[in-house]
């Protein structure tokens, strides 16, 4: 194999392709290739078939299906991936999250939920996929780029799903907080401040003349 992606949880990540010159630099371009996994005896456990992949963590790996096309530019091949299908697999190559999403990210504070984009980039939307329920549990009706370095998405105490949205160029930060138990937003697109309350950092939102402590 011309390329190795590292060793994790007893599996060696290998690619049948070397380092790629991508036409489109996805923010995960370092994990582009044609990836599979070998065990510690160098036996093939998962055949190389994923165009993007990340190392296994807690028995799961984020992967992407698709096909590479190439063009030659100045005597060098450049690669482009069409029809990306992001998902999550286990070490038996079973899809924990089906490989059908335009994009996918882990969410801090949970191994149950994943942040995804579905429906294509022209008319699609962001959403939350629940591994236990095997389906989308929340479609987001606001634009939230999880890949943007200043945005955060995580689950806080009390099973509150939090989106902290930085608006570049506007000097404004918004917060959304969704109660996973009661399945409703307790804060939606509100400005917030950060304070220290009883020695702990908390986010406070002023709403309807009242202070709402989000986490």
Protein backbone atom coordinates (compact mmCIF):
# COMPACT_ATOMS: atom_id res chain seq x y z
CA UNK A 1 0.00 0.00 0.00
CA UNK A 2 1.43 3.42 -0.96
CA UNK A 3 -0.19 5.29 1.93
CA UNK A 4 -0.91 4.61 5.61
CA UNK A 5 -3.36 6.56 7.74
CA UNK A 6 -2.28 5.34 11.15
CA UNK A 7 -2.92 2.51 13.62
CA UNK A 8 -5.85 2.64 16.01
CA UNK A 9 -7.82 0.11 18.09
CA UNK A 10 -5.98 -2.85 16.55
CA UNK A 11 -6.51 -1.79 12.95
CA UNK A 12 -4.12 -0.26 10.43
CA UNK A 13 -5.67 2.22 8.01
CA UNK A 14 -4.25 1.86 4.47
CA UNK A 15 -4.96 3.37 1.06
CA UNK A 16 -4.41 2.02 -2.44
CA UNK A 17 -3.71 5.60 -3.53
CA UNK A 18 -0.89 7.93 -2.54
CA UNK A 19 -1.29 11.51 -1.34
CA UNK A 20 -3.79 13.27 -3.61
CA UNK A 21 -3.73 16.68 -5.29
CA UNK A 22 -7.37 17.65 -4.79
CA UNK A 23 -9.18 20.12 -7.02
CA UNK A 24 -11.65 20.78 -4.25
CA UNK A 25 -10.02 21.02 -0.84
CA UNK A 26 -12.64 19.57 1.46
CA UNK A 27 -11.79 20.49 5.05
CA UNK A 28 -10.98 16.82 5.52
CA UNK A 29 -8.69 16.60 2.51
CA UNK A 30 -5.81 14.96 4.51
CA UNK A 31 -7.98 11.83 4.86
CA UNK A 32 -8.64 11.45 1.13
CA UNK A 33 -7.62 8.26 -0.65
CA UNK A 34 -9.11 4.80 -1.18
CA UNK A 35 -9.15 3.46 2.35
CA UNK A 36 -9.47 0.09 4.03
CA UNK A 37 -8.13 -1.56 7.20
CA UNK A 38 -5.75 -4.39 8.09
CA UNK A 39 -5.45 -6.22 11.40
CA UNK A 40 -2.21 -6.56 13.39
CA UNK A 41 -1.25 -9.58 11.25
CA UNK A 42 -1.75 -7.48 8.08
CA UNK A 43 -4.83 -9.42 7.07
CA UNK A 44 -7.48 -7.38 5.28
CA UNK A 45 -10.41 -6.65 7.60
CA UNK A 46 -12.18 -4.02 5.48
CA UNK A 47 -11.45 -3.80 1.76
CA UNK A 48 -10.18 -0.40 0.52
CA UNK A 49 -13.30 1.32 -0.79
CA UNK A 50 -13.78 4.60 1.10
CA UNK A 51 -12.71 7.85 -0.58
CA UNK A 52 -12.40 9.62 2.76
CA UNK A 53 -11.89 7.94 6.12
CA UNK A 54 -10.81 8.65 9.67
CA UNK A 55 -9.24 6.32 12.23
CA UNK A 56 -11.46 4.21 14.45
CA UNK A 57 -12.38 5.70 17.80
CA UNK A 58 -14.51 3.80 20.31
CA UNK A 59 -15.21 1.19 17.65
CA UNK A 60 -16.45 3.64 15.02
CA UNK A 61 -14.95 5.42 12.03
CA UNK A 62 -16.29 8.27 9.91
CA UNK A 63 -16.07 7.31 6.23
CA UNK A 64 -17.22 8.51 2.83
CA UNK A 65 -18.20 6.59 -0.28
CA UNK A 66 -17.77 8.04 -3.76
CA UNK A 67 -15.65 7.90 -6.88
CA UNK A 68 -12.55 9.83 -7.89
CA UNK A 69 -12.33 11.49 -11.29
CA UNK A 70 -9.10 13.08 -12.55
CA UNK A 71 -7.82 15.79 -14.86
CA UNK A 72 -4.25 16.46 -15.89
CA UNK A 73 -2.88 19.93 -15.20
CA UNK A 74 0.72 20.90 -15.90
CA UNK A 75 1.64 17.24 -16.19
CA UNK A 76 0.12 16.37 -12.81
CA UNK A 77 -3.10 14.54 -12.00
CA UNK A 78 -5.67 16.40 -9.95
CA UNK A 79 -8.53 14.56 -8.27
CA UNK A 80 -12.18 15.40 -7.74
CA UNK A 81 -14.70 13.33 -5.81
CA UNK A 82 -18.27 13.15 -7.08
CA UNK A 83 -21.40 12.10 -5.21
CA UNK A 84 -19.96 11.97 -1.71
CA UNK A 85 -21.85 9.78 0.74
CA UNK A 86 -20.69 10.28 4.35
CA UNK A 87 -21.52 7.87 7.16
CA UNK A 88 -20.12 5.91 10.12
CA UNK A 89 -19.05 2.25 10.23
CA UNK A 90 -18.07 -0.21 12.96
CA UNK A 91 -15.09 -2.59 12.83
CA UNK A 92 -17.18 -5.19 11.02
CA UNK A 93 -17.86 -2.64 8.26
CA UNK A 94 -21.50 -2.30 9.26
CA UNK A 95 -23.02 1.14 8.72
CA UNK A 96 -23.87 2.71 12.07
CA UNK A 97 -24.88 5.85 10.18
CA UNK A 98 -25.82 5.12 6.53
CA UNK A 99 -23.34 6.47 3.97
CA UNK A 100 -25.79 8.82 2.28
CA UNK A 101 -25.06 12.27 3.73
CA UNK A 102 -23.39 15.26 2.04
CA UNK A 103 -21.36 15.88 5.20
CA UNK A 104 -21.06 14.45 8.70
CA UNK A 105 -19.42 15.43 11.99
CA UNK A 106 -19.21 14.01 15.49
CA UNK A 107 -20.92 15.98 18.26
CA UNK A 108 -18.99 16.61 21.45
CA UNK A 109 -20.51 15.12 24.59
CA UNK A 110 -22.37 12.23 22.93
CA UNK A 111 -21.75 9.05 20.97
CA UNK A 112 -25.40 8.84 20.00
CA UNK A 113 -25.86 11.90 17.76
CA UNK A 114 -24.14 13.06 14.58
CA UNK A 115 -24.37 16.39 12.78
CA UNK A 116 -25.17 15.83 9.08
CA UNK A 117 -26.18 17.59 5.88
CA UNK A 118 -28.60 15.85 3.53
CA UNK A 119 -30.49 16.55 0.31
CA UNK A 120 -27.64 18.09 -1.69
CA UNK A 121 -25.91 21.44 -1.30
CA UNK A 122 -28.35 23.35 -3.53
CA UNK A 123 -31.60 22.43 -1.78
CA UNK A 124 -30.61 20.40 1.26
CA UNK A 125 -30.40 21.18 4.96
CA UNK A 126 -28.45 20.39 8.13
CA UNK A 127 -29.86 17.84 10.57
CA UNK A 128 -29.15 15.64 13.59
CA UNK A 129 -29.00 11.86 13.14
CA UNK A 130 -29.70 9.59 16.11
CA UNK A 131 -27.76 6.29 16.07
CA UNK A 132 -30.14 4.57 18.49
CA UNK A 133 -33.28 5.55 16.60
CA UNK A 134 -31.51 5.09 13.22
CA UNK A 135 -33.07 8.23 11.81
CA UNK A 136 -33.01 12.03 11.65
CA UNK A 137 -34.48 13.41 14.86
CA UNK A 138 -34.08 17.13 14.14
CA UNK A 139 -34.04 19.07 10.87
CA UNK A 140 -32.36 22.46 11.27
CA UNK A 141 -34.12 25.39 9.66
CA UNK A 142 -31.10 27.64 10.16
CA UNK A 143 -27.76 27.63 8.36
CA UNK A 144 -25.01 26.30 10.61
CA UNK A 145 -21.61 25.35 9.27
CA UNK A 146 -20.12 22.80 11.66
CA UNK A 147 -16.88 22.91 9.65
CA UNK A 148 -16.35 26.60 10.44
CA UNK A 149 -13.61 26.89 13.04
CA UNK A 150 -15.54 29.24 15.38
CA UNK A 151 -18.82 27.29 15.44
CA UNK A 152 -19.55 24.68 18.09
CA UNK A 153 -22.12 21.93 18.50
CA UNK A 154 -22.22 19.79 21.65
CA UNK A 155 -24.51 18.15 24.19
CA UNK A 156 -24.50 19.84 27.61
CA UNK A 157 -25.72 18.58 30.97
CA UNK A 158 -29.41 17.78 31.01
CA UNK A 159 -29.33 16.50 27.41
CA UNK A 160 -29.37 20.00 25.94
CA UNK A 161 -28.08 20.10 22.36
CA UNK A 162 -26.26 23.41 21.92
CA UNK A 163 -25.32 25.25 18.71
CA UNK A 164 -23.01 28.25 19.12
CA UNK A 165 -23.02 30.14 15.83
CA UNK A 166 -20.42 32.79 15.01
CA UNK A 167 -21.54 35.23 12.31
CA UNK A 168 -18.37 36.32 10.47
CA UNK A 169 -18.19 40.00 9.60
CA UNK A 170 -21.13 40.89 11.85
CA UNK A 171 -19.39 40.75 15.21
CA UNK A 172 -22.26 38.72 16.61
CA UNK A 173 -22.60 35.28 18.18
CA UNK A 174 -25.90 33.41 18.39
CA UNK A 175 -26.91 30.38 20.41
CA UNK A 176 -29.54 27.70 19.85
CA UNK A 177 -30.37 25.22 22.63
CA UNK A 178 -32.57 22.20 21.97
CA UNK A 179 -34.04 20.06 24.75
CA UNK A 180 -33.58 16.47 23.57
CA UNK A 181 -36.06 15.08 26.13
CA UNK A 182 -38.91 17.48 25.47
CA UNK A 183 -38.00 17.87 21.78
CA UNK A 184 -38.18 21.64 21.62
CA UNK A 185 -35.89 24.67 21.46
CA UNK A 186 -35.51 26.49 24.74
CA UNK A 187 -33.32 29.13 23.09
CA UNK A 188 -33.42 29.98 19.39
CA UNK A 189 -31.07 32.41 17.61
CA UNK A 190 -30.44 34.50 20.72
CA UNK A 191 -27.39 36.62 21.53
CA UNK A 192 -25.60 35.49 24.67
CA UNK A 193 -22.99 36.42 27.23
CA UNK A 194 -20.59 34.24 29.18
CA UNK A 195 -20.45 34.61 32.95
CA UNK A 196 -18.96 32.88 35.96
CA UNK A 197 -21.73 31.72 38.27
CA UNK A 198 -20.82 29.95 41.53
CA UNK A 199 -17.30 29.47 40.23
CA UNK A 200 -18.38 27.82 36.97
CA UNK A 201 -18.55 29.23 33.47
CA UNK A 202 -22.09 29.56 32.15
CA UNK A 203 -23.80 31.01 29.09
CA UNK A 204 -26.64 33.39 29.90
CA UNK A 205 -29.33 34.55 27.47
CA UNK A 206 -31.63 37.51 28.00
CA UNK A 207 -35.07 36.51 26.68
CA UNK A 208 -38.40 38.21 27.35
CA UNK A 209 -36.76 40.20 30.14
CA UNK A 210 -35.53 37.07 31.90
CA UNK A 211 -32.17 35.40 32.18
CA UNK A 212 -31.95 31.85 30.83
CA UNK A 213 -28.89 29.88 31.91
CA UNK A 214 -28.19 27.51 29.05
CA UNK A 215 -25.32 25.45 30.46
